[in-house]
Amino acid sequence: LVNTGEPQRAAEVSEMLVDFLDRRGWEDGAIKARKRLDDLARMGTVLSLAELISVPGSEDMLHAIARVQEYQRRHRIYPALEEIFQALSVTPDYLPLHHLLGVLLRENGNLGEATEKFLTVARTYEIRGQVTQALATYGQILDISPLDIPVHRRVVTLLTQHGRIDDALQQYLAMADAYYQLAQPDQARDIYTEAL
């Protein structure tokens, strides 16, 4: 945070970390938090313990995420959505909650809304410089809509900018295949040429 020009935020995070480590039973809390974060990672939201601790009210956030996951396991989408909206009213800029909302929308069959939510989350991750999370979120969009050419194009650009050429080539192939499935063989050929 200091290196990215956010010394004030770095001081806040340091204070939160000290407060967390000063609590009695912090080790057990860290283990429980890690388990919940691992459950969240299986749904596509990767978050470190340090990132979670840096969020004001992180303990309440963890409990909210745990309740959402429990509702989700029971296939009770509407109480899960209500829980997410309640948590977002407290921390509206916490992207893992927005991502989880997208997952629930997808599970509920609201694919268009889920895609829009994931697209917003991915773009925000990009703006924040969190490319790995952005790419993972774009991947979820492509799981929903594998023929979304603009998303394929954005993923190729991100991968290329960050030196992941082999992954970019795989994405080029997926984009060419999408054009082929859209019955646009000329565009598919252009993509193959661009990849080459």
N, C-alpha and C. Protein backbone atom coordinates (compact mmCIF):
# COMPACT_ATOMS: atom_id res chain seq x y z
N LEU A 1 0.82 -1.20 0.00
CA LEU A 1 0.00 0.00 0.00
C LEU A 1 0.86 1.26 0.00
N VAL A 2 1.96 1.22 0.72
CA VAL A 2 2.88 2.37 0.71
C VAL A 2 3.45 2.56 -0.69
N ASN A 3 3.84 1.45 -1.33
CA ASN A 3 4.43 1.53 -2.67
C ASN A 3 3.44 1.99 -3.72
N THR A 4 2.14 1.76 -3.49
CA THR A 4 1.14 2.20 -4.46
C THR A 4 0.59 3.57 -4.13
N GLY A 5 1.24 4.27 -3.20
CA GLY A 5 0.84 5.65 -2.90
C GLY A 5 -0.33 5.75 -1.94
N GLU A 6 -0.50 4.76 -1.07
CA GLU A 6 -1.59 4.80 -0.11
C GLU A 6 -1.05 4.66 1.32
N PRO A 7 -0.19 5.58 1.77
CA PRO A 7 0.40 5.44 3.10
C PRO A 7 -0.64 5.53 4.22
N GLN A 8 -1.68 6.33 4.03
CA GLN A 8 -2.74 6.43 5.04
C GLN A 8 -3.43 5.08 5.20
N ARG A 9 -3.76 4.44 4.09
CA ARG A 9 -4.41 3.11 4.13
C ARG A 9 -3.46 2.08 4.74
N ALA A 10 -2.17 2.19 4.46
CA ALA A 10 -1.19 1.27 5.04
C ALA A 10 -1.17 1.39 6.56
N ALA A 11 -1.25 2.60 7.07
CA ALA A 11 -1.28 2.81 8.52
C ALA A 11 -2.54 2.20 9.13
N GLU A 12 -3.69 2.38 8.45
CA GLU A 12 -4.95 1.81 8.93
C GLU A 12 -4.88 0.29 8.98
N VAL A 13 -4.35 -0.31 7.92
CA VAL A 13 -4.24 -1.77 7.86
C VAL A 13 -3.31 -2.28 8.95
N SER A 14 -2.22 -1.56 9.18
CA SER A 14 -1.29 -1.95 10.24
C SER A 14 -1.98 -1.94 11.60
N GLU A 15 -2.77 -0.91 11.86
CA GLU A 15 -3.50 -0.83 13.13
C GLU A 15 -4.50 -1.97 13.26
N MET A 16 -5.21 -2.28 12.16
CA MET A 16 -6.17 -3.38 12.21
C MET A 16 -5.47 -4.72 12.47
N LEU A 17 -4.30 -4.89 11.87
CA LEU A 17 -3.55 -6.12 12.07
C LEU A 17 -3.08 -6.24 13.52
N VAL A 18 -2.60 -5.16 14.08
CA VAL A 18 -2.17 -5.17 15.48
C VAL A 18 -3.36 -5.48 16.39
N ASP A 19 -4.53 -4.87 16.10
CA ASP A 19 -5.73 -5.14 16.90
C ASP A 19 -6.12 -6.62 16.82
N PHE A 20 -6.03 -7.18 15.63
CA PHE A 20 -6.38 -8.60 15.43
C PHE A 20 -5.44 -9.49 16.25
N LEU A 21 -4.15 -9.20 16.19
CA LEU A 21 -3.16 -10.03 16.87
C LEU A 21 -3.17 -9.81 18.39
N ASP A 22 -3.73 -8.71 18.85
CA ASP A 22 -3.81 -8.43 20.29
C ASP A 22 -4.97 -9.17 20.96
N ARG A 23 -5.92 -9.66 20.17
CA ARG A 23 -7.09 -10.33 20.75
C ARG A 23 -6.72 -11.68 21.33
N ARG A 24 -7.40 -12.02 22.39
CA ARG A 24 -7.24 -13.35 22.97
C ARG A 24 -7.85 -14.36 21.99
N GLY A 25 -7.13 -15.43 21.74
CA GLY A 25 -7.62 -16.48 20.84
C GLY A 25 -7.53 -16.12 19.37
N TRP A 26 -6.61 -15.23 19.03
CA TRP A 26 -6.50 -14.82 17.63
C TRP A 26 -6.12 -15.98 16.73
N GLU A 27 -5.37 -16.96 17.28
CA GLU A 27 -4.96 -18.11 16.46
C GLU A 27 -6.18 -18.89 15.98
N ASP A 28 -7.12 -19.15 16.92
CA ASP A 28 -8.34 -19.87 16.55
C ASP A 28 -9.17 -19.05 15.55
N GLY A 29 -9.22 -17.75 15.78
CA GLY A 29 -9.93 -16.88 14.84
C GLY A 29 -9.32 -16.91 13.45
N ALA A 30 -8.00 -16.94 13.40
CA ALA A 30 -7.32 -17.00 12.09
C ALA A 30 -7.61 -18.32 11.39
N ILE A 31 -7.63 -19.41 12.15
CA ILE A 31 -7.91 -20.73 11.55
C ILE A 31 -9.33 -20.77 11.00
N LYS A 32 -10.29 -20.27 11.79
CA LYS A 32 -11.69 -20.24 11.33
C LYS A 32 -11.83 -19.34 10.10
N ALA A 33 -11.17 -18.19 10.14
CA ALA A 33 -11.23 -17.27 9.01
C ALA A 33 -10.64 -17.90 7.76
N ARG A 34 -9.52 -18.60 7.91
CA ARG A 34 -8.88 -19.24 6.76
C ARG A 34 -9.80 -20.30 6.15
N LYS A 35 -10.50 -21.06 7.00
CA LYS A 35 -11.43 -22.08 6.51
C LYS A 35 -12.55 -21.44 5.70
N ARG A 36 -13.09 -20.35 6.23
CA ARG A 36 -14.17 -19.66 5.51
C ARG A 36 -13.66 -19.07 4.20
N LEU A 37 -12.45 -18.55 4.21
CA LEU A 37 -11.87 -18.00 2.98
C LEU A 37 -11.61 -19.10 1.96
N ASP A 38 -11.20 -20.28 2.43
CA ASP A 38 -11.01 -21.41 1.52
C ASP A 38 -12.33 -21.82 0.88
N ASP A 39 -13.42 -21.81 1.67
CA ASP A 39 -14.74 -22.11 1.12
C ASP A 39 -15.12 -21.08 0.07
N LEU A 40 -14.80 -19.83 0.35
CA LEU A 40 -15.09 -18.76 -0.60
C LEU A 40 -14.26 -18.92 -1.87
N ALA A 41 -13.01 -19.37 -1.73
CA ALA A 41 -12.13 -19.56 -2.89
C ALA A 41 -12.68 -20.65 -3.81
N ARG A 42 -13.31 -21.67 -3.23
CA ARG A 42 -13.89 -22.73 -4.06
C ARG A 42 -15.02 -22.21 -4.94
N MET A 43 -15.61 -21.08 -4.54
CA MET A 43 -16.66 -20.46 -5.35
C MET A 43 -16.10 -19.44 -6.32
N GLY A 44 -14.78 -19.24 -6.29
CA GLY A 44 -14.16 -18.35 -7.26
C GLY A 44 -13.65 -17.04 -6.71
N THR A 45 -13.87 -16.76 -5.43
CA THR A 45 -13.39 -15.52 -4.83
C THR A 45 -12.16 -15.82 -3.99
N VAL A 46 -10.99 -15.46 -4.51
CA VAL A 46 -9.75 -15.71 -3.79
C VAL A 46 -9.39 -14.47 -3.00
N LEU A 47 -9.18 -14.66 -1.70
CA LEU A 47 -8.93 -13.54 -0.81
C LEU A 47 -7.97 -14.00 0.26
N SER A 48 -6.98 -13.18 0.55
CA SER A 48 -6.03 -13.55 1.60
C SER A 48 -6.56 -13.12 2.96
N LEU A 49 -6.03 -13.75 3.98
CA LEU A 49 -6.42 -13.40 5.35
C LEU A 49 -6.06 -11.95 5.64
N ALA A 50 -4.93 -11.50 5.13
CA ALA A 50 -4.52 -10.11 5.35
C ALA A 50 -5.52 -9.13 4.72
N GLU A 51 -6.02 -9.47 3.51
CA GLU A 51 -7.01 -8.61 2.87
C GLU A 51 -8.28 -8.54 3.69
N LEU A 52 -8.68 -9.68 4.24
CA LEU A 52 -9.90 -9.71 5.03
C LEU A 52 -9.73 -8.89 6.31
N ILE A 53 -8.61 -9.04 6.97
CA ILE A 53 -8.37 -8.32 8.22
C ILE A 53 -8.36 -6.81 7.97
N SER A 54 -7.95 -6.41 6.77
CA SER A 54 -7.86 -4.99 6.46
C SER A 54 -9.22 -4.33 6.24
N VAL A 55 -10.28 -5.13 6.23
CA VAL A 55 -11.63 -4.59 6.04
C VAL A 55 -12.21 -4.24 7.41
N PRO A 56 -12.72 -3.01 7.58
CA PRO A 56 -13.36 -2.68 8.86
C PRO A 56 -14.53 -3.64 9.12
N GLY A 57 -14.62 -4.15 10.35
CA GLY A 57 -15.68 -5.08 10.69
C GLY A 57 -15.49 -6.44 10.04
N SER A 58 -14.22 -6.85 9.90
CA SER A 58 -13.94 -8.10 9.18
C SER A 58 -14.56 -9.31 9.85
N GLU A 59 -14.65 -9.31 11.17
CA GLU A 59 -15.24 -10.45 11.86
C GLU A 59 -16.72 -10.58 11.51
N ASP A 60 -17.43 -9.46 11.50
CA ASP A 60 -18.84 -9.48 11.11
C ASP A 60 -18.99 -9.92 9.66
N MET A 61 -18.03 -9.47 8.81
CA MET A 61 -18.06 -9.84 7.40
C MET A 61 -17.90 -11.35 7.24
N LEU A 62 -16.99 -11.93 8.01
CA LEU A 62 -16.78 -13.38 7.94
C LEU A 62 -18.03 -14.14 8.36
N HIS A 63 -18.68 -13.66 9.40
CA HIS A 63 -19.91 -14.31 9.84
C HIS A 63 -21.00 -14.20 8.77
N ALA A 64 -21.08 -13.04 8.14
CA ALA A 64 -22.07 -12.86 7.07
C ALA A 64 -21.79 -13.81 5.91
N ILE A 65 -20.52 -13.92 5.53
CA ILE A 65 -20.14 -14.83 4.44
C ILE A 65 -20.47 -16.27 4.81
N ALA A 66 -20.22 -16.63 6.07
CA ALA A 66 -20.52 -17.99 6.52
C ALA A 66 -22.03 -18.26 6.44
N ARG A 67 -22.84 -17.28 6.83
CA ARG A 67 -24.29 -17.46 6.75
C ARG A 67 -24.74 -17.59 5.30
N VAL A 68 -24.16 -16.77 4.43
CA VAL A 68 -24.51 -16.86 3.01
C VAL A 68 -24.17 -18.24 2.47
N GLN A 69 -22.99 -18.74 2.81
CA GLN A 69 -22.58 -20.06 2.33
C GLN A 69 -23.48 -21.16 2.86
N GLU A 70 -23.92 -21.01 4.10
CA GLU A 70 -24.83 -22.01 4.68
C GLU A 70 -26.18 -21.98 3.96
N TYR A 71 -26.70 -20.79 3.72
CA TYR A 71 -27.95 -20.69 2.94
C TYR A 71 -27.76 -21.29 1.54
N GLN A 72 -26.61 -21.03 0.97
CA GLN A 72 -26.32 -21.53 -0.37
C GLN A 72 -26.30 -23.06 -0.38
N ARG A 73 -25.67 -23.67 0.64
CA ARG A 73 -25.63 -25.13 0.72
C ARG A 73 -27.04 -25.73 0.84
N ARG A 74 -27.92 -24.98 1.49
CA ARG A 74 -29.30 -25.45 1.66
C ARG A 74 -30.20 -25.07 0.48
N HIS A 75 -29.61 -24.45 -0.53
CA HIS A 75 -30.34 -23.99 -1.71
C HIS A 75 -31.44 -22.98 -1.35
N ARG A 76 -31.11 -22.12 -0.41
CA ARG A 76 -32.02 -21.06 0.01
C ARG A 76 -31.43 -19.73 -0.49
N ILE A 77 -31.68 -19.47 -1.75
CA ILE A 77 -31.05 -18.33 -2.44
C ILE A 77 -31.53 -17.00 -1.88
N TYR A 78 -32.83 -16.85 -1.65
CA TYR A 78 -33.33 -15.53 -1.24
C TYR A 78 -32.82 -15.09 0.13
N PRO A 79 -32.79 -15.96 1.15
CA PRO A 79 -32.16 -15.53 2.40
C PRO A 79 -30.68 -15.21 2.22
N ALA A 80 -30.00 -15.95 1.33
CA ALA A 80 -28.58 -15.68 1.06
C ALA A 80 -28.43 -14.30 0.42
N LEU A 81 -29.29 -13.98 -0.53
CA LEU A 81 -29.24 -12.66 -1.17
C LEU A 81 -29.52 -11.56 -0.15
N GLU A 82 -30.49 -11.79 0.73
CA GLU A 82 -30.80 -10.80 1.76
C GLU A 82 -29.60 -10.56 2.67
N GLU A 83 -28.91 -11.64 3.01
CA GLU A 83 -27.72 -11.54 3.87
C GLU A 83 -26.62 -10.74 3.17
N ILE A 84 -26.43 -10.97 1.87
CA ILE A 84 -25.41 -10.23 1.12
C ILE A 84 -25.76 -8.75 1.06
N PHE A 85 -27.03 -8.45 0.77
CA PHE A 85 -27.41 -7.04 0.69
C PHE A 85 -27.23 -6.34 2.03
N GLN A 86 -27.51 -7.05 3.12
CA GLN A 86 -27.29 -6.49 4.45
C GLN A 86 -25.80 -6.20 4.66
N ALA A 87 -24.94 -7.14 4.29
CA ALA A 87 -23.49 -6.95 4.45
C ALA A 87 -22.99 -5.82 3.55
N LEU A 88 -23.54 -5.72 2.34
CA LEU A 88 -23.11 -4.66 1.42
C LEU A 88 -23.54 -3.28 1.92
N SER A 89 -24.60 -3.23 2.71
CA SER A 89 -25.00 -1.93 3.26
C SER A 89 -23.97 -1.42 4.25
N VAL A 90 -23.20 -2.33 4.85
CA VAL A 90 -22.15 -1.95 5.79
C VAL A 90 -20.84 -1.63 5.06
N THR A 91 -20.46 -2.50 4.11
CA THR A 91 -19.21 -2.30 3.33
C THR A 91 -19.52 -2.42 1.84
N PRO A 92 -20.02 -1.33 1.25
CA PRO A 92 -20.45 -1.40 -0.15
C PRO A 92 -19.33 -1.58 -1.16
N ASP A 93 -18.08 -1.33 -0.78
CA ASP A 93 -16.99 -1.45 -1.74
C ASP A 93 -16.18 -2.73 -1.56
N TYR A 94 -16.73 -3.70 -0.84
CA TYR A 94 -16.03 -4.97 -0.60
C TYR A 94 -16.34 -5.92 -1.75
N LEU A 95 -15.40 -6.04 -2.69
CA LEU A 95 -15.62 -6.79 -3.93
C LEU A 95 -15.95 -8.27 -3.75
N PRO A 96 -15.35 -8.99 -2.78
CA PRO A 96 -15.75 -10.39 -2.64
C PRO A 96 -17.24 -10.59 -2.37
N LEU A 97 -17.88 -9.65 -1.71
CA LEU A 97 -19.32 -9.75 -1.51
C LEU A 97 -20.06 -9.56 -2.83
N HIS A 98 -19.60 -8.61 -3.64
CA HIS A 98 -20.22 -8.41 -4.96
C HIS A 98 -20.03 -9.65 -5.82
N HIS A 99 -18.84 -10.24 -5.73
CA HIS A 99 -18.57 -11.46 -6.48
C HIS A 99 -19.49 -12.58 -6.03
N LEU A 100 -19.66 -12.73 -4.73
CA LEU A 100 -20.55 -13.75 -4.18
C LEU A 100 -21.99 -13.50 -4.62
N LEU A 101 -22.38 -12.24 -4.72
CA LEU A 101 -23.70 -11.90 -5.23
C LEU A 101 -23.84 -12.39 -6.67
N GLY A 102 -22.80 -12.20 -7.48
CA GLY A 102 -22.83 -12.71 -8.86
C GLY A 102 -22.99 -14.21 -8.90
N VAL A 103 -22.29 -14.91 -8.01
CA VAL A 103 -22.40 -16.38 -7.95
C VAL A 103 -23.83 -16.78 -7.63
N LEU A 104 -24.44 -16.11 -6.66
CA LEU A 104 -25.82 -16.44 -6.28
C LEU A 104 -26.80 -16.13 -7.41
N LEU A 105 -26.59 -15.02 -8.09
CA LEU A 105 -27.45 -14.68 -9.23
C LEU A 105 -27.35 -15.76 -10.31
N ARG A 106 -26.13 -16.23 -10.57
CA ARG A 106 -25.93 -17.28 -11.56
C ARG A 106 -26.65 -18.56 -11.13
N GLU A 107 -26.50 -18.93 -9.86
CA GLU A 107 -27.15 -20.14 -9.36
C GLU A 107 -28.66 -20.03 -9.41
N ASN A 108 -29.18 -18.81 -9.30
CA ASN A 108 -30.62 -18.60 -9.34
C ASN A 108 -31.15 -18.50 -10.77
N GLY A 109 -30.27 -18.61 -11.76
CA GLY A 109 -30.68 -18.57 -13.15
C GLY A 109 -30.75 -17.18 -13.75
N ASN A 110 -30.33 -16.17 -13.02
CA ASN A 110 -30.30 -14.79 -13.53
C ASN A 110 -28.97 -14.55 -14.22
N LEU A 111 -28.78 -15.19 -15.36
CA LEU A 111 -27.47 -15.17 -16.02
C LEU A 111 -27.08 -13.79 -16.52
N GLY A 112 -28.04 -13.03 -17.02
CA GLY A 112 -27.74 -11.67 -17.49
C GLY A 112 -27.27 -10.77 -16.36
N GLU A 113 -27.99 -10.82 -15.24
CA GLU A 113 -27.61 -10.01 -14.08
C GLU A 113 -26.28 -10.48 -13.50
N ALA A 114 -26.07 -11.79 -13.48
CA ALA A 114 -24.80 -12.33 -12.97
C ALA A 114 -23.64 -11.85 -13.84
N THR A 115 -23.84 -11.89 -15.16
CA THR A 115 -22.79 -11.45 -16.08
C THR A 115 -22.47 -9.98 -15.86
N GLU A 116 -23.50 -9.15 -15.71
CA GLU A 116 -23.28 -7.72 -15.47
C GLU A 116 -22.53 -7.49 -14.15
N LYS A 117 -22.92 -8.23 -13.12
CA LYS A 117 -22.25 -8.09 -11.82
C LYS A 117 -20.78 -8.50 -11.93
N PHE A 118 -20.53 -9.66 -12.56
CA PHE A 118 -19.15 -10.12 -12.73
C PHE A 118 -18.34 -9.13 -13.56
N LEU A 119 -18.95 -8.55 -14.59
CA LEU A 119 -18.23 -7.59 -15.43
C LEU A 119 -17.84 -6.35 -14.62
N THR A 120 -18.75 -5.87 -13.80
CA THR A 120 -18.45 -4.72 -12.94
C THR A 120 -17.34 -5.06 -11.95
N VAL A 121 -17.42 -6.25 -11.35
CA VAL A 121 -16.40 -6.67 -10.39
C VAL A 121 -15.04 -6.79 -11.07
N ALA A 122 -15.01 -7.43 -12.25
CA ALA A 122 -13.75 -7.61 -12.98
C ALA A 122 -13.12 -6.27 -13.33
N ARG A 123 -13.92 -5.35 -13.82
CA ARG A 123 -13.38 -4.02 -14.18
C ARG A 123 -12.85 -3.29 -12.95
N THR A 124 -13.54 -3.44 -11.83
CA THR A 124 -13.08 -2.80 -10.60
C THR A 124 -11.76 -3.42 -10.13
N TYR A 125 -11.67 -4.75 -10.22
CA TYR A 125 -10.40 -5.39 -9.88
C TYR A 125 -9.28 -4.86 -10.77
N GLU A 126 -9.57 -4.67 -12.05
CA GLU A 126 -8.55 -4.13 -12.97
C GLU A 126 -8.11 -2.75 -12.53
N ILE A 127 -9.07 -1.90 -12.21
CA ILE A 127 -8.76 -0.53 -11.78
C ILE A 127 -7.90 -0.55 -10.53
N ARG A 128 -8.17 -1.49 -9.64
CA ARG A 128 -7.41 -1.61 -8.40
C ARG A 128 -6.06 -2.29 -8.61
N GLY A 129 -5.80 -2.76 -9.82
CA GLY A 129 -4.53 -3.41 -10.10
C GLY A 129 -4.46 -4.86 -9.66
N GLN A 130 -5.61 -5.47 -9.39
CA GLN A 130 -5.68 -6.87 -8.97
C GLN A 130 -6.00 -7.74 -10.18
N VAL A 131 -4.99 -7.94 -11.00
CA VAL A 131 -5.17 -8.60 -12.29
C VAL A 131 -5.60 -10.06 -12.14
N THR A 132 -5.03 -10.77 -11.18
CA THR A 132 -5.37 -12.18 -10.99
C THR A 132 -6.86 -12.33 -10.70
N GLN A 133 -7.40 -11.50 -9.81
CA GLN A 133 -8.82 -11.57 -9.50
C GLN A 133 -9.67 -11.15 -10.70
N ALA A 134 -9.19 -10.15 -11.44
CA ALA A 134 -9.93 -9.71 -12.63
C ALA A 134 -10.01 -10.84 -13.65
N LEU A 135 -8.89 -11.51 -13.89
CA LEU A 135 -8.89 -12.61 -14.85
C LEU A 135 -9.79 -13.76 -14.40
N ALA A 136 -9.78 -14.07 -13.11
CA ALA A 136 -10.65 -15.13 -12.60
C ALA A 136 -12.12 -14.76 -12.79
N THR A 137 -12.44 -13.50 -12.57
CA THR A 137 -13.82 -13.06 -12.72
C THR A 137 -14.23 -13.05 -14.19
N TYR A 138 -13.33 -12.60 -15.08
CA TYR A 138 -13.64 -12.68 -16.51
C TYR A 138 -13.85 -14.14 -16.92
N GLY A 139 -13.10 -15.04 -16.32
CA GLY A 139 -13.27 -16.47 -16.60
C GLY A 139 -14.67 -16.94 -16.23
N GLN A 140 -15.22 -16.42 -15.15
CA GLN A 140 -16.58 -16.80 -14.77
C GLN A 140 -17.60 -16.26 -15.76
N ILE A 141 -17.33 -15.08 -16.32
CA ILE A 141 -18.22 -14.55 -17.36
C ILE A 141 -18.20 -15.49 -18.56
N LEU A 142 -17.01 -15.93 -18.94
CA LEU A 142 -16.89 -16.81 -20.11
C LEU A 142 -17.49 -18.19 -19.84
N ASP A 143 -17.56 -18.61 -18.58
CA ASP A 143 -18.27 -19.85 -18.26
C ASP A 143 -19.75 -19.70 -18.55
N ILE A 144 -20.29 -18.52 -18.25
CA ILE A 144 -21.71 -18.25 -18.50
C ILE A 144 -21.96 -18.04 -19.99
N SER A 145 -21.09 -17.25 -20.60
CA SER A 145 -21.28 -16.85 -22.00
C SER A 145 -19.98 -17.03 -22.77
N PRO A 146 -19.70 -18.26 -23.23
CA PRO A 146 -18.42 -18.52 -23.90
C PRO A 146 -18.26 -17.82 -25.25
N LEU A 147 -19.33 -17.22 -25.76
CA LEU A 147 -19.25 -16.54 -27.04
C LEU A 147 -19.11 -15.02 -26.89
N ASP A 148 -18.81 -14.55 -25.69
CA ASP A 148 -18.68 -13.12 -25.42
C ASP A 148 -17.31 -12.63 -25.92
N ILE A 149 -17.29 -12.17 -27.14
CA ILE A 149 -16.04 -11.77 -27.80
C ILE A 149 -15.34 -10.62 -27.07
N PRO A 150 -16.05 -9.55 -26.65
CA PRO A 150 -15.35 -8.47 -25.96
C PRO A 150 -14.62 -8.94 -24.69
N VAL A 151 -15.20 -9.90 -23.96
CA VAL A 151 -14.53 -10.41 -22.76
C VAL A 151 -13.31 -11.22 -23.16
N HIS A 152 -13.44 -12.06 -24.20
CA HIS A 152 -12.26 -12.79 -24.70
C HIS A 152 -11.15 -11.81 -25.05
N ARG A 153 -11.51 -10.76 -25.75
CA ARG A 153 -10.53 -9.76 -26.18
C ARG A 153 -9.86 -9.10 -24.97
N ARG A 154 -10.65 -8.78 -23.94
CA ARG A 154 -10.09 -8.13 -22.76
C ARG A 154 -9.13 -9.06 -22.03
N VAL A 155 -9.50 -10.34 -21.95
CA VAL A 155 -8.64 -11.32 -21.28
C VAL A 155 -7.32 -11.46 -22.04
N VAL A 156 -7.39 -11.51 -23.37
CA VAL A 156 -6.16 -11.58 -24.18
C VAL A 156 -5.28 -10.39 -23.90
N THR A 157 -5.87 -9.21 -23.87
CA THR A 157 -5.10 -7.98 -23.61
C THR A 157 -4.42 -8.03 -22.24
N LEU A 158 -5.18 -8.40 -21.21
CA LEU A 158 -4.61 -8.48 -19.86
C LEU A 158 -3.48 -9.49 -19.78
N LEU A 159 -3.70 -10.66 -20.36
CA LEU A 159 -2.68 -11.71 -20.32
C LEU A 159 -1.41 -11.27 -21.04
N THR A 160 -1.59 -10.63 -22.18
CA THR A 160 -0.44 -10.17 -22.97
C THR A 160 0.32 -9.08 -22.22
N GLN A 161 -0.42 -8.14 -21.63
CA GLN A 161 0.22 -7.06 -20.89
C GLN A 161 1.04 -7.56 -19.71
N HIS A 162 0.65 -8.69 -19.17
CA HIS A 162 1.34 -9.22 -17.99
C HIS A 162 2.26 -10.39 -18.32
N GLY A 163 2.61 -10.52 -19.61
CA GLY A 163 3.62 -11.49 -20.02
C GLY A 163 3.19 -12.94 -20.01
N ARG A 164 1.92 -13.20 -19.91
CA ARG A 164 1.43 -14.58 -19.89
C ARG A 164 1.02 -14.98 -21.31
N ILE A 165 2.02 -15.11 -22.16
CA ILE A 165 1.81 -15.32 -23.59
C ILE A 165 1.14 -16.66 -23.88
N ASP A 166 1.56 -17.72 -23.21
CA ASP A 166 0.95 -19.04 -23.47
C ASP A 166 -0.54 -19.01 -23.14
N ASP A 167 -0.89 -18.38 -22.02
CA ASP A 167 -2.30 -18.27 -21.65
C ASP A 167 -3.05 -17.39 -22.66
N ALA A 168 -2.39 -16.34 -23.13
CA ALA A 168 -3.02 -15.47 -24.13
C ALA A 168 -3.29 -16.23 -25.42
N LEU A 169 -2.34 -17.09 -25.81
CA LEU A 169 -2.56 -17.89 -27.02
C LEU A 169 -3.75 -18.84 -26.85
N GLN A 170 -3.88 -19.44 -25.67
CA GLN A 170 -5.04 -20.31 -25.42
C GLN A 170 -6.34 -19.50 -25.51
N GLN A 171 -6.29 -18.28 -25.01
CA GLN A 171 -7.47 -17.43 -25.07
C GLN A 171 -7.78 -17.03 -26.52
N TYR A 172 -6.74 -16.79 -27.32
CA TYR A 172 -6.95 -16.52 -28.75
C TYR A 172 -7.68 -17.69 -29.41
N LEU A 173 -7.25 -18.90 -29.08
CA LEU A 173 -7.91 -20.09 -29.66
C LEU A 173 -9.37 -20.16 -29.24
N ALA A 174 -9.64 -19.86 -27.97
CA ALA A 174 -11.03 -19.88 -27.50
C ALA A 174 -11.85 -18.80 -28.20
N MET A 175 -11.24 -17.63 -28.44
CA MET A 175 -11.95 -16.56 -29.13
C MET A 175 -12.22 -16.94 -30.59
N ALA A 176 -11.25 -17.54 -31.24
CA ALA A 176 -11.45 -17.98 -32.62
C ALA A 176 -12.55 -19.02 -32.69
N ASP A 177 -12.57 -19.93 -31.72
CA ASP A 177 -13.62 -20.94 -31.66
C ASP A 177 -14.99 -20.29 -31.47
N ALA A 178 -15.04 -19.24 -30.65
CA ALA A 178 -16.31 -18.53 -30.43
C ALA A 178 -16.79 -17.91 -31.74
N TYR A 179 -15.88 -17.28 -32.49
CA TYR A 179 -16.26 -16.73 -33.79
C TYR A 179 -16.75 -17.84 -34.72
N TYR A 180 -16.09 -18.97 -34.69
CA TYR A 180 -16.49 -20.09 -35.55
C TYR A 180 -17.90 -20.55 -35.18
N GLN A 181 -18.18 -20.65 -33.87
CA GLN A 181 -19.52 -21.05 -33.43
C GLN A 181 -20.58 -20.01 -33.77
N LEU A 182 -20.16 -18.76 -33.89
CA LEU A 182 -21.07 -17.70 -34.30
C LEU A 182 -21.22 -17.63 -35.82
N ALA A 183 -20.66 -18.62 -36.51
CA ALA A 183 -20.71 -18.70 -37.97
C ALA A 183 -20.05 -17.50 -38.63
N GLN A 184 -18.90 -17.11 -38.09
CA GLN A 184 -18.11 -16.01 -38.64
C GLN A 184 -16.69 -16.51 -38.89
N PRO A 185 -16.53 -17.38 -39.88
CA PRO A 185 -15.21 -17.99 -40.10
C PRO A 185 -14.13 -16.99 -40.51
N ASP A 186 -14.52 -15.90 -41.16
CA ASP A 186 -13.51 -14.91 -41.55
C ASP A 186 -12.89 -14.26 -40.32
N GLN A 187 -13.73 -13.93 -39.33
CA GLN A 187 -13.20 -13.35 -38.09
C GLN A 187 -12.35 -14.38 -37.33
N ALA A 188 -12.77 -15.64 -37.37
CA ALA A 188 -11.99 -16.70 -36.72
C ALA A 188 -10.61 -16.78 -37.35
N ARG A 189 -10.55 -16.72 -38.67
CA ARG A 189 -9.27 -16.77 -39.37
C ARG A 189 -8.40 -15.57 -39.00
N ASP A 190 -9.04 -14.38 -38.90
CA ASP A 190 -8.30 -13.17 -38.50
C ASP A 190 -7.69 -13.32 -37.10
N ILE A 191 -8.44 -13.95 -36.20
CA ILE A 191 -7.96 -14.16 -34.83
C ILE A 191 -6.78 -15.14 -34.84
N TYR A 192 -6.90 -16.20 -35.64
CA TYR A 192 -5.78 -17.15 -35.74
C TYR A 192 -4.53 -16.44 -36.26
N THR A 193 -4.73 -15.57 -37.25
CA THR A 193 -3.59 -14.83 -37.81
C THR A 193 -2.99 -13.88 -36.76
N GLU A 194 -3.85 -13.21 -36.03
CA GLU A 194 -3.39 -12.30 -34.97
C GLU A 194 -2.60 -13.08 -33.90
N ALA A 195 -3.11 -14.26 -33.55
CA ALA A 195 -2.44 -15.07 -32.54
C ALA A 195 -1.08 -15.52 -33.05
N LEU A 196 -1.04 -15.89 -34.31
CA LEU A 196 0.23 -16.34 -34.91
C LEU A 196 1.26 -15.22 -34.91
